[in-house]
Amino acid sequence: MLDLLDQYPYILPLLIFFGRIIDVSLGTLRIIFVSKGEKYLAPVIGFFEVLIWIIVISEIFSRANDMIAYLSYAGGYAAGNFVGILIEQRIAFGVLLCRVYTKQNGRELVSLLSKENYGATLIKGSGSVGEIDIIETVVDRKNLKKVDKIVTSFDKSVFYVTEDIRTKQRGIFPKHKSLLSRWRPGK
């Protein structure tokens, strides 16, 4: 590898740039997993994050003496943040509390959510514009679009907020298909 970099010095900025993209993307994911309490996954990601960073920074200290290498390092950092956020949005890791405020009959929305196997709680409230129904449901982040579709089809002028939650236990949640169920006929 070192001989290759000596023969083809233009590879070094590319190595630095893409190494930083991977390193920073892993860092973004590690922070998310730490905040969600994933105590086994976060350290594994952190190990590879730091390993890649050490390799990249050692190459910079030993070989890179030009502005292109420094710009590659900074550009890789910026691009890594962007890529990390895209990956995080794609995997949609986590659990959300969705709190819906509506002037419509909240029991109907609870029924709609129940049909899709989402547990929901109805609370009567008083808002600045009169009596309202507040419906709370806990959903996996990857299911938020489906819940959004149910809620907005129920009430076009609905107001709702979501909050990240760290843990959930005991409740009504949609069943997840096991990855192994694809290869186990009859299950």
N, C-alpha and C. Protein backbone atom coordinates (compact mmCIF):
# COMPACT_ATOMS: atom_id res chain seq x y z
N MET A 1 0.83 -1.20 0.00
CA MET A 1 0.00 0.00 0.00
C MET A 1 0.87 1.25 0.00
N LEU A 2 1.93 1.25 0.81
CA LEU A 2 2.79 2.43 0.88
C LEU A 2 3.50 2.69 -0.44
N ASP A 3 3.94 1.62 -1.12
CA ASP A 3 4.60 1.79 -2.42
C ASP A 3 3.63 2.36 -3.44
N LEU A 4 2.40 1.93 -3.37
CA LEU A 4 1.38 2.42 -4.29
C LEU A 4 1.18 3.93 -4.12
N LEU A 5 1.18 4.40 -2.87
CA LEU A 5 1.02 5.83 -2.63
C LEU A 5 2.24 6.62 -3.07
N ASP A 6 3.42 6.00 -2.99
CA ASP A 6 4.63 6.68 -3.48
C ASP A 6 4.63 6.79 -5.00
N GLN A 7 4.14 5.75 -5.68
CA GLN A 7 4.11 5.76 -7.14
C GLN A 7 3.01 6.66 -7.69
N TYR A 8 1.88 6.66 -7.01
CA TYR A 8 0.72 7.42 -7.48
C TYR A 8 0.25 8.39 -6.39
N PRO A 9 0.91 9.52 -6.23
CA PRO A 9 0.58 10.43 -5.14
C PRO A 9 -0.83 11.03 -5.22
N TYR A 10 -1.45 11.02 -6.38
CA TYR A 10 -2.80 11.57 -6.50
C TYR A 10 -3.84 10.67 -5.83
N ILE A 11 -3.47 9.43 -5.47
CA ILE A 11 -4.41 8.53 -4.78
C ILE A 11 -4.60 8.97 -3.33
N LEU A 12 -3.58 9.57 -2.74
CA LEU A 12 -3.65 9.95 -1.33
C LEU A 12 -4.81 10.89 -1.02
N PRO A 13 -5.03 11.97 -1.77
CA PRO A 13 -6.19 12.82 -1.46
C PRO A 13 -7.52 12.07 -1.57
N LEU A 14 -7.61 11.15 -2.52
CA LEU A 14 -8.84 10.35 -2.65
C LEU A 14 -9.00 9.43 -1.45
N LEU A 15 -7.91 8.81 -1.02
CA LEU A 15 -7.95 7.94 0.16
C LEU A 15 -8.36 8.73 1.40
N ILE A 16 -7.80 9.91 1.54
CA ILE A 16 -8.14 10.77 2.68
C ILE A 16 -9.61 11.16 2.62
N PHE A 17 -10.07 11.60 1.46
CA PHE A 17 -11.45 12.06 1.31
C PHE A 17 -12.44 10.95 1.64
N PHE A 18 -12.30 9.79 1.02
CA PHE A 18 -13.26 8.71 1.24
C PHE A 18 -13.10 8.07 2.61
N GLY A 19 -11.88 8.07 3.14
CA GLY A 19 -11.68 7.57 4.50
C GLY A 19 -12.42 8.44 5.51
N ARG A 20 -12.37 9.74 5.32
CA ARG A 20 -13.08 10.65 6.22
C ARG A 20 -14.60 10.52 6.07
N ILE A 21 -15.07 10.30 4.86
CA ILE A 21 -16.51 10.09 4.69
C ILE A 21 -16.96 8.89 5.52
N ILE A 22 -16.24 7.80 5.42
CA ILE A 22 -16.60 6.58 6.17
C ILE A 22 -16.47 6.83 7.66
N ASP A 23 -15.37 7.43 8.07
CA ASP A 23 -15.10 7.69 9.48
C ASP A 23 -16.17 8.57 10.12
N VAL A 24 -16.50 9.66 9.48
CA VAL A 24 -17.48 10.60 10.04
C VAL A 24 -18.88 10.02 9.98
N SER A 25 -19.21 9.28 8.94
CA SER A 25 -20.52 8.62 8.86
C SER A 25 -20.68 7.64 10.01
N LEU A 26 -19.64 6.87 10.28
CA LEU A 26 -19.68 5.94 11.42
C LEU A 26 -19.83 6.71 12.73
N GLY A 27 -19.16 7.85 12.84
CA GLY A 27 -19.28 8.66 14.04
C GLY A 27 -20.69 9.16 14.26
N THR A 28 -21.34 9.57 13.19
CA THR A 28 -22.73 10.02 13.28
C THR A 28 -23.63 8.89 13.77
N LEU A 29 -23.45 7.71 13.20
CA LEU A 29 -24.25 6.55 13.62
C LEU A 29 -23.94 6.16 15.07
N ARG A 30 -22.67 6.23 15.45
CA ARG A 30 -22.29 5.89 16.83
C ARG A 30 -22.98 6.81 17.83
N ILE A 31 -23.00 8.09 17.55
CA ILE A 31 -23.66 9.05 18.44
C ILE A 31 -25.14 8.74 18.56
N ILE A 32 -25.77 8.39 17.47
CA ILE A 32 -27.19 8.05 17.50
C ILE A 32 -27.42 6.80 18.34
N PHE A 33 -26.58 5.79 18.16
CA PHE A 33 -26.74 4.55 18.92
C PHE A 33 -26.45 4.76 20.41
N VAL A 34 -25.51 5.63 20.73
CA VAL A 34 -25.24 5.95 22.14
C VAL A 34 -26.47 6.63 22.75
N SER A 35 -27.06 7.58 22.02
CA SER A 35 -28.22 8.29 22.55
C SER A 35 -29.44 7.38 22.71
N LYS A 36 -29.48 6.29 21.95
CA LYS A 36 -30.59 5.34 22.06
C LYS A 36 -30.29 4.21 23.03
N GLY A 37 -29.12 4.24 23.67
CA GLY A 37 -28.79 3.24 24.68
C GLY A 37 -28.31 1.92 24.11
N GLU A 38 -27.84 1.90 22.88
CA GLU A 38 -27.34 0.66 22.26
C GLU A 38 -25.89 0.43 22.72
N LYS A 39 -25.75 -0.14 23.92
CA LYS A 39 -24.43 -0.24 24.54
C LYS A 39 -23.52 -1.27 23.91
N TYR A 40 -24.03 -2.16 23.07
CA TYR A 40 -23.16 -3.15 22.42
C TYR A 40 -22.79 -2.74 21.00
N LEU A 41 -23.68 -2.08 20.32
CA LEU A 41 -23.44 -1.67 18.94
C LEU A 41 -22.56 -0.43 18.85
N ALA A 42 -22.77 0.53 19.73
CA ALA A 42 -22.01 1.79 19.68
C ALA A 42 -20.50 1.58 19.82
N PRO A 43 -20.01 0.75 20.74
CA PRO A 43 -18.56 0.56 20.83
C PRO A 43 -17.95 -0.12 19.60
N VAL A 44 -18.67 -1.02 18.98
CA VAL A 44 -18.15 -1.69 17.78
C VAL A 44 -18.00 -0.67 16.65
N ILE A 45 -19.01 0.16 16.48
CA ILE A 45 -18.92 1.21 15.46
C ILE A 45 -17.80 2.18 15.80
N GLY A 46 -17.67 2.54 17.08
CA GLY A 46 -16.60 3.44 17.51
C GLY A 46 -15.22 2.88 17.23
N PHE A 47 -15.05 1.57 17.39
CA PHE A 47 -13.76 0.93 17.10
C PHE A 47 -13.35 1.16 15.65
N PHE A 48 -14.27 0.89 14.72
CA PHE A 48 -13.95 1.06 13.30
C PHE A 48 -13.82 2.53 12.92
N GLU A 49 -14.60 3.38 13.56
CA GLU A 49 -14.49 4.82 13.32
C GLU A 49 -13.08 5.31 13.64
N VAL A 50 -12.59 4.96 14.81
CA VAL A 50 -11.27 5.43 15.24
C VAL A 50 -10.16 4.75 14.45
N LEU A 51 -10.34 3.49 14.10
CA LEU A 51 -9.33 2.79 13.30
C LEU A 51 -9.14 3.49 11.96
N ILE A 52 -10.22 3.81 11.30
CA ILE A 52 -10.13 4.51 10.01
C ILE A 52 -9.52 5.89 10.20
N TRP A 53 -9.91 6.59 11.26
CA TRP A 53 -9.36 7.93 11.50
C TRP A 53 -7.85 7.87 11.71
N ILE A 54 -7.38 6.88 12.48
CA ILE A 54 -5.93 6.75 12.72
C ILE A 54 -5.18 6.50 11.42
N ILE A 55 -5.72 5.65 10.57
CA ILE A 55 -5.07 5.37 9.29
C ILE A 55 -5.00 6.63 8.44
N VAL A 56 -6.10 7.36 8.36
CA VAL A 56 -6.13 8.57 7.54
C VAL A 56 -5.20 9.63 8.10
N ILE A 57 -5.25 9.88 9.40
CA ILE A 57 -4.42 10.94 9.98
C ILE A 57 -2.94 10.60 9.92
N SER A 58 -2.59 9.31 10.04
CA SER A 58 -1.18 8.93 9.94
C SER A 58 -0.65 9.15 8.53
N GLU A 59 -1.49 8.92 7.53
CA GLU A 59 -1.08 9.19 6.16
C GLU A 59 -0.90 10.69 5.93
N ILE A 60 -1.74 11.48 6.54
CA ILE A 60 -1.60 12.93 6.40
C ILE A 60 -0.28 13.39 7.04
N PHE A 61 0.01 12.89 8.25
CA PHE A 61 1.23 13.32 8.92
C PHE A 61 2.50 12.83 8.24
N SER A 62 2.43 11.66 7.63
CA SER A 62 3.64 11.11 7.04
C SER A 62 3.86 11.53 5.59
N ARG A 63 2.81 11.81 4.85
CA ARG A 63 2.97 12.05 3.41
C ARG A 63 2.40 13.38 2.91
N ALA A 64 1.32 13.77 3.46
CA ALA A 64 0.60 14.89 2.88
C ALA A 64 1.18 16.21 3.35
N ASN A 65 1.76 16.93 2.42
CA ASN A 65 2.32 18.24 2.74
C ASN A 65 1.77 19.31 1.81
N ASP A 66 0.60 19.07 1.29
CA ASP A 66 0.05 20.04 0.36
C ASP A 66 -1.40 20.39 0.71
N MET A 67 -1.84 21.46 0.15
CA MET A 67 -3.18 21.97 0.44
C MET A 67 -4.26 21.01 -0.06
N ILE A 68 -4.01 20.26 -1.12
CA ILE A 68 -5.01 19.33 -1.66
C ILE A 68 -5.35 18.26 -0.62
N ALA A 69 -4.36 17.75 0.09
CA ALA A 69 -4.61 16.74 1.13
C ALA A 69 -5.43 17.35 2.27
N TYR A 70 -5.12 18.58 2.64
CA TYR A 70 -5.86 19.23 3.72
C TYR A 70 -7.30 19.51 3.31
N LEU A 71 -7.49 19.93 2.07
CA LEU A 71 -8.85 20.16 1.56
C LEU A 71 -9.61 18.84 1.45
N SER A 72 -8.91 17.76 1.08
CA SER A 72 -9.55 16.44 1.02
C SER A 72 -10.02 16.01 2.40
N TYR A 73 -9.22 16.30 3.42
CA TYR A 73 -9.58 15.96 4.80
C TYR A 73 -10.83 16.72 5.22
N ALA A 74 -10.83 18.03 4.97
CA ALA A 74 -11.97 18.87 5.35
C ALA A 74 -13.21 18.52 4.52
N GLY A 75 -13.02 18.30 3.22
CA GLY A 75 -14.14 17.93 2.36
C GLY A 75 -14.73 16.59 2.75
N GLY A 76 -13.88 15.63 3.10
CA GLY A 76 -14.35 14.32 3.54
C GLY A 76 -15.14 14.43 4.84
N TYR A 77 -14.71 15.31 5.72
CA TYR A 77 -15.44 15.53 6.97
C TYR A 77 -16.84 16.07 6.69
N ALA A 78 -16.91 17.10 5.84
CA ALA A 78 -18.21 17.70 5.51
C ALA A 78 -19.11 16.68 4.81
N ALA A 79 -18.57 15.99 3.84
CA ALA A 79 -19.36 14.99 3.11
C ALA A 79 -19.77 13.84 4.03
N GLY A 80 -18.91 13.48 4.97
CA GLY A 80 -19.22 12.41 5.92
C GLY A 80 -20.41 12.75 6.80
N ASN A 81 -20.51 14.01 7.21
CA ASN A 81 -21.69 14.44 7.98
C ASN A 81 -22.96 14.26 7.16
N PHE A 82 -22.90 14.68 5.92
CA PHE A 82 -24.05 14.57 5.03
C PHE A 82 -24.44 13.10 4.81
N VAL A 83 -23.45 12.27 4.50
CA VAL A 83 -23.70 10.84 4.26
C VAL A 83 -24.21 10.16 5.53
N GLY A 84 -23.65 10.52 6.67
CA GLY A 84 -24.09 9.94 7.94
C GLY A 84 -25.55 10.24 8.22
N ILE A 85 -25.97 11.46 7.95
CA ILE A 85 -27.37 11.84 8.15
C ILE A 85 -28.27 11.08 7.18
N LEU A 86 -27.84 10.93 5.93
CA LEU A 86 -28.63 10.17 4.96
C LEU A 86 -28.80 8.71 5.40
N ILE A 87 -27.71 8.11 5.89
CA ILE A 87 -27.77 6.72 6.36
C ILE A 87 -28.72 6.63 7.55
N GLU A 88 -28.59 7.57 8.48
CA GLU A 88 -29.44 7.55 9.67
C GLU A 88 -30.91 7.67 9.29
N GLN A 89 -31.23 8.54 8.34
CA GLN A 89 -32.61 8.68 7.90
C GLN A 89 -33.10 7.41 7.22
N ARG A 90 -32.21 6.74 6.51
CA ARG A 90 -32.57 5.52 5.79
C ARG A 90 -32.89 4.37 6.74
N ILE A 91 -32.06 4.20 7.78
CA ILE A 91 -32.31 3.08 8.69
C ILE A 91 -33.42 3.41 9.68
N ALA A 92 -33.69 4.70 9.89
CA ALA A 92 -34.79 5.15 10.76
C ALA A 92 -34.82 4.37 12.07
N PHE A 93 -33.73 4.42 12.78
CA PHE A 93 -33.60 3.67 14.03
C PHE A 93 -34.24 4.45 15.17
N GLY A 94 -35.05 3.79 15.96
CA GLY A 94 -35.60 4.42 17.14
C GLY A 94 -37.10 4.29 17.24
N VAL A 95 -37.62 4.84 18.32
CA VAL A 95 -39.03 4.77 18.65
C VAL A 95 -39.52 6.20 18.90
N LEU A 96 -40.73 6.49 18.43
CA LEU A 96 -41.30 7.82 18.56
C LEU A 96 -42.63 7.78 19.30
N LEU A 97 -42.90 8.83 20.04
CA LEU A 97 -44.22 9.08 20.58
C LEU A 97 -44.87 10.08 19.65
N CYS A 98 -46.00 9.71 19.08
CA CYS A 98 -46.74 10.59 18.18
C CYS A 98 -47.98 11.07 18.93
N ARG A 99 -48.08 12.38 19.11
CA ARG A 99 -49.19 12.98 19.84
C ARG A 99 -50.01 13.80 18.84
N VAL A 100 -51.26 13.40 18.64
CA VAL A 100 -52.14 13.99 17.63
C VAL A 100 -53.20 14.84 18.32
N TYR A 101 -53.38 16.07 17.83
CA TYR A 101 -54.40 16.99 18.35
C TYR A 101 -55.43 17.20 17.25
N THR A 102 -56.69 16.87 17.53
CA THR A 102 -57.72 17.00 16.51
C THR A 102 -59.04 17.48 17.11
N LYS A 103 -59.82 18.17 16.28
CA LYS A 103 -61.17 18.57 16.67
C LYS A 103 -62.18 17.49 16.31
N GLN A 104 -61.75 16.52 15.50
CA GLN A 104 -62.61 15.40 15.10
C GLN A 104 -62.80 14.44 16.27
N ASN A 105 -63.64 13.44 16.06
CA ASN A 105 -63.87 12.41 17.07
C ASN A 105 -62.63 11.51 17.16
N GLY A 106 -61.89 11.62 18.24
CA GLY A 106 -60.65 10.87 18.43
C GLY A 106 -60.84 9.37 18.48
N ARG A 107 -62.02 8.93 18.88
CA ARG A 107 -62.29 7.47 18.95
C ARG A 107 -62.16 6.83 17.56
N GLU A 108 -62.56 7.56 16.54
CA GLU A 108 -62.44 7.04 15.17
C GLU A 108 -60.97 6.85 14.79
N LEU A 109 -60.14 7.81 15.16
CA LEU A 109 -58.71 7.68 14.85
C LEU A 109 -58.09 6.53 15.64
N VAL A 110 -58.47 6.38 16.89
CA VAL A 110 -57.97 5.26 17.69
C VAL A 110 -58.36 3.95 17.01
N SER A 111 -59.58 3.88 16.49
CA SER A 111 -60.05 2.68 15.79
C SER A 111 -59.23 2.43 14.52
N LEU A 112 -58.97 3.48 13.75
CA LEU A 112 -58.16 3.35 12.53
C LEU A 112 -56.75 2.85 12.86
N LEU A 113 -56.15 3.42 13.90
CA LEU A 113 -54.81 2.99 14.30
C LEU A 113 -54.82 1.55 14.81
N SER A 114 -55.87 1.18 15.53
CA SER A 114 -55.99 -0.19 16.05
C SER A 114 -56.09 -1.20 14.91
N LYS A 115 -56.79 -0.85 13.85
CA LYS A 115 -56.91 -1.74 12.69
C LYS A 115 -55.54 -2.05 12.08
N GLU A 116 -54.61 -1.11 12.22
CA GLU A 116 -53.24 -1.30 11.70
C GLU A 116 -52.29 -1.81 12.79
N ASN A 117 -52.86 -2.26 13.91
CA ASN A 117 -52.10 -2.83 15.04
C ASN A 117 -51.24 -1.82 15.78
N TYR A 118 -51.64 -0.55 15.76
CA TYR A 118 -50.96 0.46 16.57
C TYR A 118 -51.83 0.73 17.79
N GLY A 119 -51.25 0.59 18.96
CA GLY A 119 -51.97 0.95 20.17
C GLY A 119 -52.10 2.46 20.25
N ALA A 120 -53.19 2.93 20.74
CA ALA A 120 -53.40 4.38 20.84
C ALA A 120 -54.21 4.68 22.09
N THR A 121 -53.95 5.86 22.65
CA THR A 121 -54.66 6.31 23.84
C THR A 121 -55.33 7.63 23.52
N LEU A 122 -56.60 7.75 23.91
CA LEU A 122 -57.38 8.96 23.69
C LEU A 122 -57.46 9.75 24.99
N ILE A 123 -57.18 11.04 24.89
CA ILE A 123 -57.26 11.95 26.03
C ILE A 123 -58.10 13.15 25.59
N LYS A 124 -59.04 13.53 26.42
CA LYS A 124 -59.84 14.73 26.13
C LYS A 124 -59.07 15.95 26.62
N GLY A 125 -59.11 17.01 25.83
CA GLY A 125 -58.38 18.21 26.21
C GLY A 125 -59.14 19.47 25.85
N SER A 126 -58.62 20.56 26.36
CA SER A 126 -59.19 21.86 26.08
C SER A 126 -58.09 22.73 25.52
N GLY A 127 -58.27 23.21 24.29
CA GLY A 127 -57.25 24.02 23.64
C GLY A 127 -57.70 25.45 23.49
N SER A 128 -56.91 26.25 22.82
CA SER A 128 -57.24 27.67 22.64
C SER A 128 -58.43 27.88 21.71
N VAL A 129 -58.79 26.84 20.96
CA VAL A 129 -59.92 26.96 20.05
C VAL A 129 -61.09 26.08 20.47
N GLY A 130 -61.06 25.55 21.66
CA GLY A 130 -62.17 24.74 22.16
C GLY A 130 -61.73 23.34 22.56
N GLU A 131 -62.71 22.45 22.63
CA GLU A 131 -62.46 21.08 23.05
C GLU A 131 -61.74 20.31 21.92
N ILE A 132 -60.77 19.51 22.31
CA ILE A 132 -60.02 18.70 21.34
C ILE A 132 -59.84 17.30 21.89
N ASP A 133 -59.48 16.39 20.99
CA ASP A 133 -59.08 15.05 21.37
C ASP A 133 -57.58 14.93 21.12
N ILE A 134 -56.90 14.33 22.08
CA ILE A 134 -55.46 14.09 21.96
C ILE A 134 -55.28 12.59 21.88
N ILE A 135 -54.63 12.13 20.83
CA ILE A 135 -54.39 10.71 20.65
C ILE A 135 -52.89 10.50 20.67
N GLU A 136 -52.45 9.59 21.52
CA GLU A 136 -51.03 9.26 21.62
C GLU A 136 -50.81 7.84 21.15
N THR A 137 -49.76 7.65 20.37
CA THR A 137 -49.37 6.32 19.93
C THR A 137 -47.85 6.25 19.86
N VAL A 138 -47.30 5.09 20.16
CA VAL A 138 -45.86 4.87 20.11
C VAL A 138 -45.56 4.02 18.89
N VAL A 139 -44.66 4.50 18.03
CA VAL A 139 -44.37 3.81 16.77
C VAL A 139 -42.86 3.75 16.53
N ASP A 140 -42.44 2.75 15.79
CA ASP A 140 -41.06 2.73 15.31
C ASP A 140 -40.89 3.84 14.29
N ARG A 141 -39.72 4.45 14.28
CA ARG A 141 -39.49 5.57 13.36
C ARG A 141 -39.73 5.19 11.91
N LYS A 142 -39.40 3.96 11.56
CA LYS A 142 -39.57 3.55 10.17
C LYS A 142 -41.04 3.45 9.77
N ASN A 143 -41.95 3.44 10.76
CA ASN A 143 -43.39 3.38 10.47
C ASN A 143 -44.07 4.73 10.53
N LEU A 144 -43.32 5.81 10.74
CA LEU A 144 -43.92 7.13 10.90
C LEU A 144 -44.69 7.56 9.66
N LYS A 145 -44.19 7.29 8.48
CA LYS A 145 -44.89 7.70 7.25
C LYS A 145 -46.25 7.01 7.15
N LYS A 146 -46.31 5.75 7.55
CA LYS A 146 -47.57 5.02 7.50
C LYS A 146 -48.57 5.64 8.49
N VAL A 147 -48.10 5.95 9.69
CA VAL A 147 -48.97 6.58 10.69
C VAL A 147 -49.38 7.98 10.23
N ASP A 148 -48.46 8.72 9.63
CA ASP A 148 -48.77 10.05 9.10
C ASP A 148 -49.89 9.96 8.07
N LYS A 149 -49.82 8.96 7.22
CA LYS A 149 -50.86 8.79 6.19
C LYS A 149 -52.22 8.50 6.83
N ILE A 150 -52.24 7.66 7.86
CA ILE A 150 -53.49 7.35 8.56
C ILE A 150 -54.06 8.61 9.21
N VAL A 151 -53.20 9.35 9.89
CA VAL A 151 -53.63 10.54 10.63
C VAL A 151 -54.12 11.63 9.69
N THR A 152 -53.38 11.92 8.64
CA THR A 152 -53.78 13.00 7.73
C THR A 152 -54.98 12.63 6.87
N SER A 153 -55.18 11.34 6.60
CA SER A 153 -56.39 10.95 5.86
C SER A 153 -57.62 11.05 6.78
N PHE A 154 -57.39 10.90 8.08
CA PHE A 154 -58.48 11.04 9.05
C PHE A 154 -58.92 12.49 9.20
N ASP A 155 -57.93 13.40 9.28
CA ASP A 155 -58.22 14.82 9.50
C ASP A 155 -57.19 15.64 8.73
N LYS A 156 -57.65 16.31 7.68
CA LYS A 156 -56.73 17.09 6.83
C LYS A 156 -56.08 18.26 7.57
N SER A 157 -56.74 18.79 8.59
CA SER A 157 -56.20 19.93 9.33
C SER A 157 -55.61 19.52 10.68
N VAL A 158 -55.17 18.29 10.78
CA VAL A 158 -54.65 17.76 12.04
C VAL A 158 -53.32 18.42 12.41
N PHE A 159 -53.08 18.52 13.69
CA PHE A 159 -51.79 18.98 14.21
C PHE A 159 -51.23 17.82 15.03
N TYR A 160 -49.98 17.45 14.74
CA TYR A 160 -49.36 16.43 15.57
C TYR A 160 -47.88 16.70 15.75
N VAL A 161 -47.35 16.17 16.83
CA VAL A 161 -45.93 16.30 17.13
C VAL A 161 -45.37 14.91 17.42
N THR A 162 -44.09 14.76 17.20
CA THR A 162 -43.43 13.50 17.54
C THR A 162 -42.25 13.80 18.45
N GLU A 163 -41.96 12.85 19.31
CA GLU A 163 -40.82 12.96 20.22
C GLU A 163 -40.07 11.64 20.20
N ASP A 164 -38.75 11.73 20.25
CA ASP A 164 -37.95 10.52 20.40
C ASP A 164 -38.13 9.98 21.80
N ILE A 165 -38.27 8.68 21.90
CA ILE A 165 -38.29 8.05 23.22
C ILE A 165 -37.21 6.98 23.23
N ARG A 166 -36.68 6.74 24.39
CA ARG A 166 -35.54 5.83 24.49
C ARG A 166 -35.98 4.37 24.60
N THR A 167 -37.01 4.10 25.36
CA THR A 167 -37.44 2.72 25.53
C THR A 167 -38.96 2.63 25.51
N LYS A 168 -39.43 1.43 25.26
CA LYS A 168 -40.85 1.13 25.33
C LYS A 168 -40.99 -0.26 25.91
N GLN A 169 -42.06 -0.50 26.60
CA GLN A 169 -42.33 -1.85 27.07
C GLN A 169 -43.82 -2.00 27.28
N ARG A 170 -44.29 -3.20 27.10
CA ARG A 170 -45.69 -3.53 27.24
C ARG A 170 -46.57 -2.55 26.47
N GLY A 171 -47.18 -3.02 25.49
CA GLY A 171 -48.08 -2.19 24.71
C GLY A 171 -48.53 -2.96 23.49
N ILE A 172 -49.20 -2.27 22.62
CA ILE A 172 -49.68 -2.87 21.38
C ILE A 172 -48.84 -2.31 20.25
N PHE A 173 -48.06 -3.18 19.63
CA PHE A 173 -47.18 -2.77 18.55
C PHE A 173 -47.34 -3.75 17.39
N PRO A 174 -47.21 -3.28 16.16
CA PRO A 174 -47.33 -4.18 15.02
C PRO A 174 -46.27 -5.29 15.09
N LYS A 175 -46.65 -6.47 14.65
CA LYS A 175 -45.71 -7.58 14.61
C LYS A 175 -44.70 -7.34 13.50
N HIS A 176 -43.45 -7.69 13.79
CA HIS A 176 -42.40 -7.58 12.79
C HIS A 176 -42.13 -8.96 12.23
N LYS A 177 -41.96 -9.03 10.93
CA LYS A 177 -41.58 -10.30 10.33
C LYS A 177 -40.12 -10.55 10.62
N SER A 178 -39.83 -11.75 11.01
CA SER A 178 -38.45 -12.14 11.26
C SER A 178 -37.73 -12.30 9.93
N LEU A 179 -36.48 -11.95 9.92
CA LEU A 179 -35.66 -12.12 8.73
C LEU A 179 -35.58 -13.59 8.35
N LEU A 180 -35.58 -14.47 9.36
CA LEU A 180 -35.48 -15.90 9.11
C LEU A 180 -36.77 -16.49 8.57
N SER A 181 -37.90 -15.81 8.73
CA SER A 181 -39.17 -16.37 8.30
C SER A 181 -39.23 -16.56 6.79
N ARG A 182 -38.40 -15.83 6.04
CA ARG A 182 -38.37 -16.00 4.60
C ARG A 182 -37.85 -17.38 4.19
N TRP A 183 -36.95 -17.92 5.00
CA TRP A 183 -36.32 -19.18 4.65
C TRP A 183 -36.91 -20.36 5.42
N ARG A 184 -37.93 -20.10 6.23
CA ARG A 184 -38.54 -21.18 6.99
C ARG A 184 -39.96 -21.40 6.49
N PRO A 185 -40.13 -22.31 5.54
CA PRO A 185 -41.48 -22.53 5.00
C PRO A 185 -42.42 -23.04 6.08
N GLY A 186 -43.66 -22.64 5.97
CA GLY A 186 -44.67 -23.10 6.91
C GLY A 186 -44.76 -22.25 8.17
N LYS A 187 -43.97 -21.23 8.30
CA LYS A 187 -44.00 -20.38 9.49
C LYS A 187 -44.67 -19.08 9.17
